Structures are given as C-alpha cells and as structure tokens.
Amino acid sequence: GEGDAIADKMRALGADVVRVQGTYEEACEQAYNDCKNNGWHLIQDGSSEGYEAIPKRIHSGYSLLAAEMLEQLGGMDGEGVISPDKLPTHVLSNCGVGGLAAGLGGYLWDTLKEHRPRFIAVEPTNADCCAIQTQRDVYEVDQAAGGTGNVKPPSGEFGADGTIQVGLDCKEVSPLAWGVLKTGCNDFVAIGDEVCGPCLKLLANGETPICAGESAVAGLGVLLAAGQNPELKAKLGLDENSRVAVVICETAPNPPLYIKLTGEDPEDVKARRAAKDAATTVVA
C-alpha cells in the first residue's frame, strides 16, 4: 500500500486518512461502501456496476495528456490538423486498473484514426491484471465455441512478493477501462521492479532532469529492455525508424524509497530541473 509520505500529504490538505488492512481492491470496496452508507461522493477512476459516470470523466481528463503530447511533438496542431511524420509510432503507458491507459489510448484511437500509434500498456510482473484478463477472455471465447482450441484458463495468481510500483498494484482491471483496452491496446507487457531504480536514475540525470516516481517508469523500462532484447524489440515492432513516446505520470511520492532506489534526495533532482528551466527561460 501507499507509504506514510503520501498519507501525510493528504493530511496536509485537510483529509482524514483511513488505512485498510488488505488489498487495493478491498480498500476500494470499503471506500465504496463507506461513501454509500454516509452519503459521501466517491472519486476514483476504477469503475464498478452502477459507478461509471465519475470514472468516465476522469478518463476524459487523462486524455488531456495525450492531446498535449501530440501538440508538443508537432503531430497535431490546435486546429486538429495532423502531421503524420511527426506522430509517435509507439506510445507506452503504465497500467494499473487501466484508467490512465484507456484515457490515453482511447483518445489517440479516436483522434488519429488510421494514424494512431501502436499502444503498449505496461504492468508490474506481480500485478499483471490486464494480461490475465486477456487470457481469461480468450479462454471464455474458446469455451463458448465448445473448447475446441484446448485453451487453458489463466491461473489468476499474482506474485506473492507484491510490487514497489504501488500505484499499479492492482489485481482486477476496471470494466470501463477494459471496454477500451481489450480492443484499443496493441500489447500488454509486464516488467519487474528491478527496472525502477535504474530508470529513476536515468531520468534524474538526463539533460532535462525528471524526478519520477516508482510507479511511473514501467514503460521506460520496457523500452530499454527492448533495446537489449531483439525478440522483444521485434514483437513490439520497434526499429531504427520508430518514434517512441513514453508516459511518465508521477513525481516521487515516497522520498525514502526514492533515496533508497537512486541514492539521491528527490528535492535535489527537482532543484536541478528548476535551474534548468530557469536557464532555458532566460536564453529564450
């Protein structure tokens, strides 16, 4: 679950933090029941039966990231005019219950039509709920056809060790998100926690320093892995002509863990970024 650093940030905003002993899914269920019983508003991007209106609006908000990405790359201007040669060929997004990936992928699909990039959703190895849902769907289709394909059902088991990518530590995909991802996502890839530290260091020490969180770098980890693994590279359709966009969706939420993974205080990385931005502004 989330560490004390996140809880303290919420308390600083005036929130009461309630800890649930259990999984993310159990925490969501308790939040849903508490809101229902007390007449509160539930705000989360994971949908459930009878709870879709708010997740839909959150997914729409996520789509702004995709719109800004296209504009910054020069692939589509403010009037909606597309420049295919400036569009990314691949977009990698991290994926928990699927809300962020669905919001981004759905926007790219709807807006770019035949020019849309290959969309790759990346999950932790120990919480690959979208990959398992894909296997479940294939099994159910086979069973409906009489089981002629000899497809085995997925085990539905996840790694016992969990993941430090706590923002992606989800065991059930959101039904609303799955409605988009099951057709609109080209690939689901799972990657282990061992990539987090190196990816965070790489971003922190880049020309433009980025202070990312451990749940934000799964896509970057896959891209780097593909550079060293010809088989993965080929499966994802990557080559020397690819233009790849990787979504980095959070800053460091847990400073002690960030320091452990990188050996550096996240505030120092943010300071370097601020200095870089200030120097760029002066030059401009």
C-alpha atoms as a PDB file:
ATOM      1  CA  GLY A   1       0.000   0.000   0.000  1.00  0.00           C
ATOM      2  CA  GLU A   2       0.901   3.660  -0.073  1.00  0.00           C
ATOM      3  CA  GLY A   3       3.502   4.799   2.435  1.00  0.00           C
ATOM      4  CA  ASP A   4       3.274   7.407   5.157  1.00  0.00           C
ATOM      5  CA  ALA A   5       4.656  10.108   2.839  1.00  0.00           C
ATOM      6  CA  ILE A   6       1.510  10.027   0.691  1.00  0.00           C
ATOM      7  CA  ALA A   7      -0.747   9.840   3.735  1.00  0.00           C
ATOM      8  CA  ASP A   8       0.981  12.880   5.258  1.00  0.00           C
ATOM      9  CA  LYS A   9       0.488  14.853   2.047  1.00  0.00           C
ATOM     10  CA  MET A  10      -3.227  14.093   2.139  1.00  0.00           C
ATOM     11  CA  ARG A  11      -3.455  15.073   5.813  1.00  0.00           C
ATOM     12  CA  ALA A  12      -1.708  18.353   4.992  1.00  0.00           C
ATOM     13  CA  LEU A  13      -4.593  19.096   2.626  1.00  0.00           C
ATOM     14  CA  GLY A  14      -7.063  18.556   5.438  1.00  0.00           C
ATOM     15  CA  ALA A  15      -8.028  14.969   4.636  1.00  0.00           C
ATOM     16  CA  ASP A  16      -8.705  12.167   7.080  1.00  0.00           C
ATOM     17  CA  VAL A  17      -6.700   9.098   6.042  1.00  0.00           C
ATOM     18  CA  VAL A  18      -8.271   5.694   6.671  1.00  0.00           C
ATOM     19  CA  ARG A  19      -5.993   2.667   6.410  1.00  0.00           C
ATOM     20  CA  VAL A  20      -7.495  -0.631   5.223  1.00  0.00           C
ATOM     21  CA  GLN A  21      -5.753  -3.879   6.080  1.00  0.00           C
ATOM     22  CA  GLY A  22      -5.920  -5.733   2.798  1.00  0.00           C
ATOM     23  CA  THR A  23      -5.510  -5.332  -0.941  1.00  0.00           C
ATOM     24  CA  TYR A  24      -6.152  -2.330  -3.149  1.00  0.00           C
ATOM     25  CA  GLU A  25      -9.391  -3.951  -4.261  1.00  0.00           C
ATOM     26  CA  GLU A  26     -10.514  -4.400  -0.653  1.00  0.00           C
ATOM     27  CA  ALA A  27      -9.696  -0.770   0.087  1.00  0.00           C
ATOM     28  CA  CYS A  28     -11.772   0.337  -2.920  1.00  0.00           C
ATOM     29  CA  GLU A  29     -14.672  -1.812  -1.770  1.00  0.00           C
ATOM     30  CA  GLN A  30     -14.590  -0.297   1.709  1.00  0.00           C
ATOM     31  CA  ALA A  31     -14.386   3.216   0.269  1.00  0.00           C
ATOM     32  CA  TYR A  32     -17.407   2.468  -1.931  1.00  0.00           C
ATOM     33  CA  ASN A  33     -19.419   1.121   0.995  1.00  0.00           C
ATOM     34  CA  ASP A  34     -18.410   3.960   3.332  1.00  0.00           C
ATOM     35  CA  CYS A  35     -19.454   6.544   0.759  1.00  0.00           C
ATOM     36  CA  LYS A  36     -22.750   4.776   0.127  1.00  0.00           C
ATOM     37  CA  ASN A  37     -23.541   4.467   3.818  1.00  0.00           C
ATOM     38  CA  ASN A  38     -22.596   8.052   4.667  1.00  0.00           C
ATOM     39  CA  GLY A  39     -23.858   9.877   1.603  1.00  0.00           C
ATOM     40  CA  TRP A  40     -20.353  10.842   0.507  1.00  0.00           C
ATOM     41  CA  HIS A  41     -19.011  11.292  -3.026  1.00  0.00           C
ATOM     42  CA  LEU A  42     -16.659   8.568  -4.286  1.00  0.00           C
ATOM     43  CA  ILE A  43     -13.945   9.844  -6.625  1.00  0.00           C
ATOM     44  CA  GLN A  44     -11.836   7.135  -8.262  1.00  0.00           C
ATOM     45  CA  ASP A  45     -11.023   6.066 -11.811  1.00  0.00           C
ATOM     46  CA  GLY A  46     -11.876   2.389 -11.359  1.00  0.00           C
ATOM     47  CA  SER A  47     -15.442   1.579 -12.357  1.00  0.00           C
ATOM     48  CA  SER A  48     -17.907  -0.941 -10.955  1.00  0.00           C
ATOM     49  CA  GLU A  49     -21.544  -1.840 -11.525  1.00  0.00           C
ATOM     50  CA  GLY A  50     -23.563   1.359 -11.129  1.00  0.00           C
ATOM     51  CA  TYR A  51     -20.429   3.504 -10.820  1.00  0.00           C
ATOM     52  CA  GLU A  52     -19.252   4.734 -14.220  1.00  0.00           C
ATOM     53  CA  ALA A  53     -20.085   8.435 -14.587  1.00  0.00           C
ATOM     54  CA  ILE A  54     -17.183   9.725 -12.479  1.00  0.00           C
ATOM     55  CA  PRO A  55     -14.575   7.292 -13.886  1.00  0.00           C
ATOM     56  CA  LYS A  56     -15.617   8.361 -17.401  1.00  0.00           C
ATOM     57  CA  ARG A  57     -14.918  11.989 -16.536  1.00  0.00           C
ATOM     58  CA  ILE A  58     -11.549  11.084 -15.009  1.00  0.00           C
ATOM     59  CA  HIS A  59     -10.621   9.109 -18.138  1.00  0.00           C
ATOM     60  CA  SER A  60     -11.541  12.171 -20.199  1.00  0.00           C
ATOM     61  CA  GLY A  61      -9.185  14.201 -18.023  1.00  0.00           C
ATOM     62  CA  TYR A  62      -6.391  11.712 -18.664  1.00  0.00           C
ATOM     63  CA  SER A  63      -6.873  12.238 -22.401  1.00  0.00           C
ATOM     64  CA  LEU A  64      -5.511  15.780 -22.000  1.00  0.00           C
ATOM     65  CA  LEU A  65      -2.056  14.207 -21.542  1.00  0.00           C
ATOM     66  CA  ALA A  66      -2.335  12.641 -24.984  1.00  0.00           C
ATOM     67  CA  ALA A  67      -3.530  15.902 -26.539  1.00  0.00           C
ATOM     68  CA  GLU A  68      -0.609  17.818 -25.019  1.00  0.00           C
ATOM     69  CA  MET A  69       1.817  15.134 -26.173  1.00  0.00           C
ATOM     70  CA  LEU A  70       0.643  15.386 -29.778  1.00  0.00           C
ATOM     71  CA  GLU A  71       0.822  19.180 -29.691  1.00  0.00           C
ATOM     72  CA  GLN A  72       4.331  19.237 -28.215  1.00  0.00           C
ATOM     73  CA  LEU A  73       5.573  16.706 -30.764  1.00  0.00           C
ATOM     74  CA  GLY A  74       4.045  18.727 -33.593  1.00  0.00           C
ATOM     75  CA  GLY A  75       1.885  15.785 -34.617  1.00  0.00           C
ATOM     76  CA  MET A  76      -1.372  17.740 -34.350  1.00  0.00           C
ATOM     77  CA  ASP A  77      -1.949  21.447 -34.037  1.00  0.00           C
ATOM     78  CA  GLY A  78      -4.600  23.295 -32.073  1.00  0.00           C
ATOM     79  CA  GLU A  79      -6.984  23.109 -35.036  1.00  0.00           C
ATOM     80  CA  GLY A  80      -6.747  19.330 -35.190  1.00  0.00           C
ATOM     81  CA  VAL A  81      -4.591  19.227 -38.333  1.00  0.00           C
ATOM     82  CA  ILE A  82      -2.457  16.076 -38.259  1.00  0.00           C
ATOM     83  CA  SER A  83       1.182  15.842 -39.397  1.00  0.00           C
ATOM     84  CA  PRO A  84       1.721  12.066 -39.723  1.00  0.00           C
ATOM     85  CA  ASP A  85       5.500  12.318 -39.999  1.00  0.00           C
ATOM     86  CA  LYS A  86       5.661  13.915 -36.534  1.00  0.00           C
ATOM     87  CA  LEU A  87       3.352  11.489 -34.762  1.00  0.00           C
ATOM     88  CA  PRO A  88       4.787   8.830 -32.460  1.00  0.00           C
ATOM     89  CA  THR A  89       4.809   5.330 -33.880  1.00  0.00           C
ATOM     90  CA  HIS A  90       4.615   3.844 -30.377  1.00  0.00           C
ATOM     91  CA  VAL A  91       3.196   5.055 -27.068  1.00  0.00           C
ATOM     92  CA  LEU A  92       3.988   3.249 -23.819  1.00  0.00           C
ATOM     93  CA  SER A  93       1.859   3.878 -20.747  1.00  0.00           C
ATOM     94  CA  ASN A  94       1.916   2.331 -17.314  1.00  0.00           C
ATOM     95  CA  CYS A  95      -1.237   0.447 -16.375  1.00  0.00           C
ATOM     96  CA  GLY A  96      -2.913  -0.392 -13.068  1.00  0.00           C
ATOM     97  CA  VAL A  97      -6.692  -0.820 -13.246  1.00  0.00           C
ATOM     98  CA  GLY A  98      -6.388   0.581 -16.769  1.00  0.00           C
ATOM     99  CA  GLY A  99      -7.932   4.035 -16.389  1.00  0.00           C
ATOM    100  CA  LEU A 100      -4.931   6.084 -17.464  1.00  0.00           C
ATOM    101  CA  ALA A 101      -4.103   3.739 -20.335  1.00  0.00           C
ATOM    102  CA  ALA A 102      -7.719   3.747 -21.515  1.00  0.00           C
ATOM    103  CA  GLY A 103      -7.923   7.532 -21.391  1.00  0.00           C
ATOM    104  CA  LEU A 104      -4.728   7.958 -23.390  1.00  0.00           C
ATOM    105  CA  GLY A 105      -5.230   5.081 -25.805  1.00  0.00           C
ATOM    106  CA  GLY A 106      -8.871   5.893 -26.412  1.00  0.00           C
ATOM    107  CA  TYR A 107      -8.059   9.497 -27.267  1.00  0.00           C
ATOM    108  CA  LEU A 108      -5.294   8.525 -29.672  1.00  0.00           C
ATOM    109  CA  TRP A 109      -7.515   5.936 -31.305  1.00  0.00           C
ATOM    110  CA  ASP A 110     -10.485   8.288 -31.693  1.00  0.00           C
ATOM    111  CA  THR A 111      -8.471  11.340 -32.752  1.00  0.00           C
ATOM    112  CA  LEU A 112      -5.836   9.884 -35.056  1.00  0.00           C
ATOM    113  CA  LYS A 113      -7.873   7.080 -36.626  1.00  0.00           C
ATOM    114  CA  GLU A 114      -5.625   5.234 -39.107  1.00  0.00           C
ATOM    115  CA  HIS A 115      -2.632   7.302 -37.956  1.00  0.00           C
ATOM    116  CA  ARG A 116      -2.852   6.138 -34.364  1.00  0.00           C
ATOM    117  CA  PRO A 117       0.373   4.771 -32.848  1.00  0.00           C
ATOM    118  CA  ARG A 118       0.929   1.290 -31.529  1.00  0.00           C
ATOM    119  CA  PHE A 119      -0.282   1.472 -27.948  1.00  0.00           C
ATOM    120  CA  ILE A 120       1.536  -0.557 -25.292  1.00  0.00           C
ATOM    121  CA  ALA A 121       0.279  -0.863 -21.711  1.00  0.00           C
ATOM    122  CA  VAL A 122       2.867  -1.911 -19.127  1.00  0.00           C
ATOM    123  CA  GLU A 123       2.128  -3.584 -15.793  1.00  0.00           C
ATOM    124  CA  PRO A 124       4.218  -4.923 -12.901  1.00  0.00           C
ATOM    125  CA  THR A 125       5.077  -8.598 -13.212  1.00  0.00           C
ATOM    126  CA  ASN A 126       3.364  -9.278  -9.891  1.00  0.00           C
ATOM    127  CA  ALA A 127       0.202  -7.345 -10.765  1.00  0.00           C
ATOM    128  CA  ASP A 128      -0.445  -8.018 -14.463  1.00  0.00           C
ATOM    129  CA  CYS A 129      -4.229  -7.936 -14.266  1.00  0.00           C
ATOM    130  CA  CYS A 130      -4.741  -6.834 -17.883  1.00  0.00           C
ATOM    131  CA  ALA A 131      -2.636  -9.688 -19.219  1.00  0.00           C
ATOM    132  CA  ILE A 132      -4.618 -12.139 -17.101  1.00  0.00           C
ATOM    133  CA  GLN A 133      -7.908 -10.592 -18.230  1.00  0.00           C
ATOM    134  CA  THR A 134      -6.804 -11.088 -21.837  1.00  0.00           C
ATOM    135  CA  GLN A 135      -6.120 -14.754 -21.144  1.00  0.00           C
ATOM    136  CA  ARG A 136      -9.498 -15.037 -19.404  1.00  0.00           C
ATOM    137  CA  ASP A 137     -11.286 -13.534 -22.403  1.00  0.00           C
ATOM    138  CA  VAL A 138      -9.540 -15.915 -24.815  1.00  0.00           C
ATOM    139  CA  TYR A 139     -10.498 -18.851 -22.623  1.00  0.00           C
ATOM    140  CA  GLU A 140     -14.135 -17.763 -22.422  1.00  0.00           C
ATOM    141  CA  VAL A 141     -14.359 -17.358 -26.210  1.00  0.00           C
ATOM    142  CA  ASP A 142     -12.893 -20.823 -26.663  1.00  0.00           C
ATOM    143  CA  GLN A 143     -15.345 -22.312 -24.173  1.00  0.00           C
ATOM    144  CA  ALA A 144     -18.257 -20.632 -25.936  1.00  0.00           C
ATOM    145  CA  ALA A 145     -17.092 -22.314 -29.133  1.00  0.00           C
ATOM    146  CA  GLY A 146     -17.052 -25.705 -27.457  1.00  0.00           C
ATOM    147  CA  GLY A 147     -13.491 -25.682 -26.170  1.00  0.00           C
ATOM    148  CA  THR A 148     -12.068 -26.791 -29.495  1.00  0.00           C
ATOM    149  CA  GLY A 149      -8.930 -24.694 -29.127  1.00  0.00           C
ATOM    150  CA  ASN A 150      -7.787 -26.501 -25.991  1.00  0.00           C
ATOM    151  CA  VAL A 151      -7.186 -23.129 -24.298  1.00  0.00           C
ATOM    152  CA  LYS A 152      -6.317 -23.416 -20.622  1.00  0.00           C
ATOM    153  CA  PRO A 153      -7.822 -20.969 -18.116  1.00  0.00           C
ATOM    154  CA  PRO A 154      -5.415 -18.463 -16.536  1.00  0.00           C
ATOM    155  CA  SER A 155      -4.337 -19.245 -13.013  1.00  0.00           C
ATOM    156  CA  GLY A 156      -5.330 -15.789 -11.776  1.00  0.00           C
ATOM    157  CA  GLU A 157      -2.422 -15.920  -9.362  1.00  0.00           C
ATOM    158  CA  PHE A 158      -0.090 -12.997  -8.778  1.00  0.00           C
ATOM    159  CA  GLY A 159       3.394 -12.830  -7.346  1.00  0.00           C
ATOM    160  CA  ALA A 160       3.384 -13.209  -3.582  1.00  0.00           C
ATOM    161  CA  ASP A 161       6.011 -10.505  -3.105  1.00  0.00           C
ATOM    162  CA  GLY A 162       3.824  -7.704  -4.426  1.00  0.00           C
ATOM    163  CA  THR A 163       5.441  -4.715  -6.110  1.00  0.00           C
ATOM    164  CA  ILE A 164       7.018  -1.400  -5.163  1.00  0.00           C
ATOM    165  CA  GLN A 165       5.069   0.050  -8.093  1.00  0.00           C
ATOM    166  CA  VAL A 166       2.206   0.559  -5.661  1.00  0.00           C
ATOM    167  CA  GLY A 167       0.249   2.810  -7.989  1.00  0.00           C
ATOM    168  CA  LEU A 168      -0.015  -0.167 -10.349  1.00  0.00           C
ATOM    169  CA  ASP A 169      -0.535  -2.870  -7.714  1.00  0.00           C
ATOM    170  CA  CYS A 170      -3.985  -3.848  -8.961  1.00  0.00           C
ATOM    171  CA  LYS A 171      -5.427  -7.339  -9.336  1.00  0.00           C
ATOM    172  CA  GLU A 172      -8.617  -6.538 -11.260  1.00  0.00           C
ATOM    173  CA  VAL A 173      -8.939  -4.374 -14.353  1.00  0.00           C
ATOM    174  CA  SER A 174     -11.647  -1.707 -14.348  1.00  0.00           C
ATOM    175  CA  PRO A 175     -14.590  -2.854 -16.524  1.00  0.00           C
ATOM    176  CA  LEU A 176     -14.955   0.605 -18.058  1.00  0.00           C
ATOM    177  CA  ALA A 177     -11.270   0.758 -18.966  1.00  0.00           C
ATOM    178  CA  TRP A 178     -11.307  -2.786 -20.287  1.00  0.00           C
ATOM    179  CA  GLY A 179     -14.012  -1.836 -22.751  1.00  0.00           C
ATOM    180  CA  VAL A 180     -11.381   0.332 -24.457  1.00  0.00           C
ATOM    181  CA  LEU A 181      -8.200  -1.627 -23.810  1.00  0.00           C
ATOM    182  CA  LYS A 182      -9.381  -5.058 -24.953  1.00  0.00           C
ATOM    183  CA  THR A 183      -9.634  -3.695 -28.490  1.00  0.00           C
ATOM    184  CA  GLY A 184      -7.602  -0.491 -28.480  1.00  0.00           C
ATOM    185  CA  CYS A 185      -4.406  -1.721 -26.818  1.00  0.00           C
ATOM    186  CA  ASN A 186      -1.931  -3.475 -29.084  1.00  0.00           C
ATOM    187  CA  ASP A 187       0.262  -5.042 -26.415  1.00  0.00           C
ATOM    188  CA  PHE A 188       0.263  -5.762 -22.707  1.00  0.00           C
ATOM    189  CA  VAL A 189       3.750  -6.163 -21.253  1.00  0.00           C
ATOM    190  CA  ALA A 190       4.728  -6.953 -17.661  1.00  0.00           C
ATOM    191  CA  ILE A 191       8.015  -5.874 -16.138  1.00  0.00           C
ATOM    192  CA  GLY A 192       9.686  -6.416 -12.756  1.00  0.00           C
ATOM    193  CA  ASP A 193      10.567  -3.945 -10.025  1.00  0.00           C
ATOM    194  CA  GLU A 194      14.275  -4.286 -10.765  1.00  0.00           C
ATOM    195  CA  VAL A 195      13.922  -1.701 -13.556  1.00  0.00           C
ATOM    196  CA  CYS A 196      12.628   1.043 -11.266  1.00  0.00           C
ATOM    197  CA  GLY A 197      15.906   2.194  -9.723  1.00  0.00           C
ATOM    198  CA  PRO A 198      17.902   2.372 -13.000  1.00  0.00           C
ATOM    199  CA  CYS A 199      15.045   4.146 -14.776  1.00  0.00           C
ATOM    200  CA  LEU A 200      14.639   6.703 -11.995  1.00  0.00           C
ATOM    201  CA  LYS A 201      18.395   7.395 -12.059  1.00  0.00           C
ATOM    202  CA  LEU A 202      18.378   7.736 -15.844  1.00  0.00           C
ATOM    203  CA  LEU A 203      15.609  10.319 -15.727  1.00  0.00           C
ATOM    204  CA  ALA A 204      17.150  12.186 -12.787  1.00  0.00           C
ATOM    205  CA  ASN A 205      20.496  12.546 -14.540  1.00  0.00           C
ATOM    206  CA  GLY A 206      19.255  13.386 -18.006  1.00  0.00           C
ATOM    207  CA  GLU A 207      19.853  16.652 -19.822  1.00  0.00           C
ATOM    208  CA  THR A 208      16.450  17.760 -18.530  1.00  0.00           C
ATOM    209  CA  PRO A 209      16.202  16.211 -15.042  1.00  0.00           C
ATOM    210  CA  ILE A 210      12.928  14.440 -14.257  1.00  0.00           C
ATOM    211  CA  CYS A 211      12.007  13.425 -10.722  1.00  0.00           C
ATOM    212  CA  ALA A 212       9.738  10.459 -11.440  1.00  0.00           C
ATOM    213  CA  GLY A 213       8.002   8.028  -9.124  1.00  0.00           C
ATOM    214  CA  GLU A 214       8.481   4.290  -8.989  1.00  0.00           C
ATOM    215  CA  SER A 215       5.008   3.718 -10.486  1.00  0.00           C
ATOM    216  CA  ALA A 216       5.793   5.947 -13.470  1.00  0.00           C
ATOM    217  CA  VAL A 217       8.681   4.222 -15.225  1.00  0.00           C
ATOM    218  CA  ALA A 218       7.306   0.823 -16.307  1.00  0.00           C
ATOM    219  CA  GLY A 219       7.032   1.973 -19.937  1.00  0.00           C
ATOM    220  CA  LEU A 220      10.570   3.313 -19.960  1.00  0.00           C
ATOM    221  CA  GLY A 221      11.751   0.005 -18.506  1.00  0.00           C
ATOM    222  CA  VAL A 222      10.163  -1.905 -21.376  1.00  0.00           C
ATOM    223  CA  LEU A 223      11.675   0.422 -23.967  1.00  0.00           C
ATOM    224  CA  LEU A 224      15.159  -0.032 -22.507  1.00  0.00           C
ATOM    225  CA  ALA A 225      14.634  -3.791 -22.234  1.00  0.00           C
ATOM    226  CA  ALA A 226      13.631  -3.930 -25.896  1.00  0.00           C
ATOM    227  CA  GLY A 227      16.899  -2.235 -26.802  1.00  0.00           C
ATOM    228  CA  GLN A 228      18.748  -5.192 -25.286  1.00  0.00           C
ATOM    229  CA  ASN A 229      16.323  -7.950 -26.263  1.00  0.00           C
ATOM    230  CA  PRO A 230      15.935  -8.442 -30.044  1.00  0.00           C
ATOM    231  CA  GLU A 231      12.964 -10.765 -29.589  1.00  0.00           C
ATOM    232  CA  LEU A 232      11.023  -8.228 -27.505  1.00  0.00           C
ATOM    233  CA  LYS A 233      12.046  -5.455 -29.874  1.00  0.00           C
ATOM    234  CA  ALA A 234      10.675  -7.390 -32.837  1.00  0.00           C
ATOM    235  CA  LYS A 235       7.435  -8.320 -31.062  1.00  0.00           C
ATOM    236  CA  LEU A 236       6.768  -4.657 -30.302  1.00  0.00           C
ATOM    237  CA  GLY A 237       7.569  -3.586 -33.863  1.00  0.00           C
ATOM    238  CA  LEU A 238      10.424  -1.314 -32.838  1.00  0.00           C
ATOM    239  CA  ASP A 239      13.204  -0.391 -35.241  1.00  0.00           C
ATOM    240  CA  GLU A 240      15.518   2.490 -36.129  1.00  0.00           C
ATOM    241  CA  ASN A 241      12.603   4.421 -37.637  1.00  0.00           C
ATOM    242  CA  SER A 242      10.409   4.265 -34.548  1.00  0.00           C
ATOM    243  CA  ARG A 243       9.363   7.459 -32.773  1.00  0.00           C
ATOM    244  CA  VAL A 244       8.517   6.438 -29.235  1.00  0.00           C
ATOM    245  CA  ALA A 245       6.610   8.407 -26.603  1.00  0.00           C
ATOM    246  CA  VAL A 246       6.764   7.163 -23.016  1.00  0.00           C
ATOM    247  CA  VAL A 247       4.272   8.466 -20.475  1.00  0.00           C
ATOM    248  CA  ILE A 248       5.833   9.390 -17.105  1.00  0.00           C
ATOM    249  CA  CYS A 249       2.818  10.089 -14.913  1.00  0.00           C
ATOM    250  CA  GLU A 250       4.003  10.935 -11.402  1.00  0.00           C
ATOM    251  CA  THR A 251       6.727  12.574  -9.393  1.00  0.00           C
ATOM    252  CA  ALA A 252       8.363  10.771  -6.466  1.00  0.00           C
ATOM    253  CA  PRO A 253       5.541  10.060  -3.977  1.00  0.00           C
ATOM    254  CA  ASN A 254       7.741   8.323  -1.401  1.00  0.00           C
ATOM    255  CA  PRO A 255      11.009  10.205  -0.728  1.00  0.00           C
ATOM    256  CA  PRO A 256      12.594   7.495   1.474  1.00  0.00           C
ATOM    257  CA  LEU A 257      12.039   4.868  -1.222  1.00  0.00           C
ATOM    258  CA  TYR A 258      13.322   7.238  -3.909  1.00  0.00           C
ATOM    259  CA  ILE A 259      16.503   7.804  -1.922  1.00  0.00           C
ATOM    260  CA  LYS A 260      16.897   4.050  -1.463  1.00  0.00           C
ATOM    261  CA  LEU A 261      16.490   3.393  -5.191  1.00  0.00           C
ATOM    262  CA  THR A 262      18.595   6.283  -6.504  1.00  0.00           C
ATOM    263  CA  GLY A 263      20.861   7.416  -3.660  1.00  0.00           C
ATOM    264  CA  GLU A 264      19.565  10.942  -4.139  1.00  0.00           C
ATOM    265  CA  ASP A 265      17.005  13.172  -2.478  1.00  0.00           C
ATOM    266  CA  PRO A 266      14.103  13.921  -4.850  1.00  0.00           C
ATOM    267  CA  GLU A 267      14.215  17.583  -3.844  1.00  0.00           C
ATOM    268  CA  ASP A 268      17.754  17.814  -5.270  1.00  0.00           C
ATOM    269  CA  VAL A 269      16.521  16.470  -8.601  1.00  0.00           C
ATOM    270  CA  LYS A 270      13.639  18.941  -8.610  1.00  0.00           C
ATOM    271  CA  ALA A 271      16.094  21.755  -7.855  1.00  0.00           C
ATOM    272  CA  ARG A 272      18.240  20.789 -10.851  1.00  0.00           C
ATOM    273  CA  ARG A 273      15.136  20.767 -13.036  1.00  0.00           C
ATOM    274  CA  ALA A 274      14.091  24.193 -11.772  1.00  0.00           C
ATOM    275  CA  ALA A 275      17.565  25.552 -12.509  1.00  0.00           C
ATOM    276  CA  LYS A 276      17.434  24.026 -15.993  1.00  0.00           C
ATOM    277  CA  ASP A 277      14.016  25.535 -16.701  1.00  0.00           C
ATOM    278  CA  ALA A 278      15.125  28.936 -15.399  1.00  0.00           C
ATOM    279  CA  ALA A 279      18.208  28.918 -17.613  1.00  0.00           C
ATOM    280  CA  THR A 280      16.101  27.908 -20.627  1.00  0.00           C
ATOM    281  CA  THR A 281      13.674  30.740 -19.953  1.00  0.00           C
ATOM    282  CA  VAL A 282      16.495  33.282 -19.747  1.00  0.00           C
ATOM    283  CA  VAL A 283      18.023  32.087 -23.018  1.00  0.00           C
ATOM    284  CA  ALA A 284      14.665  32.115 -24.773  1.00  0.00           C
END
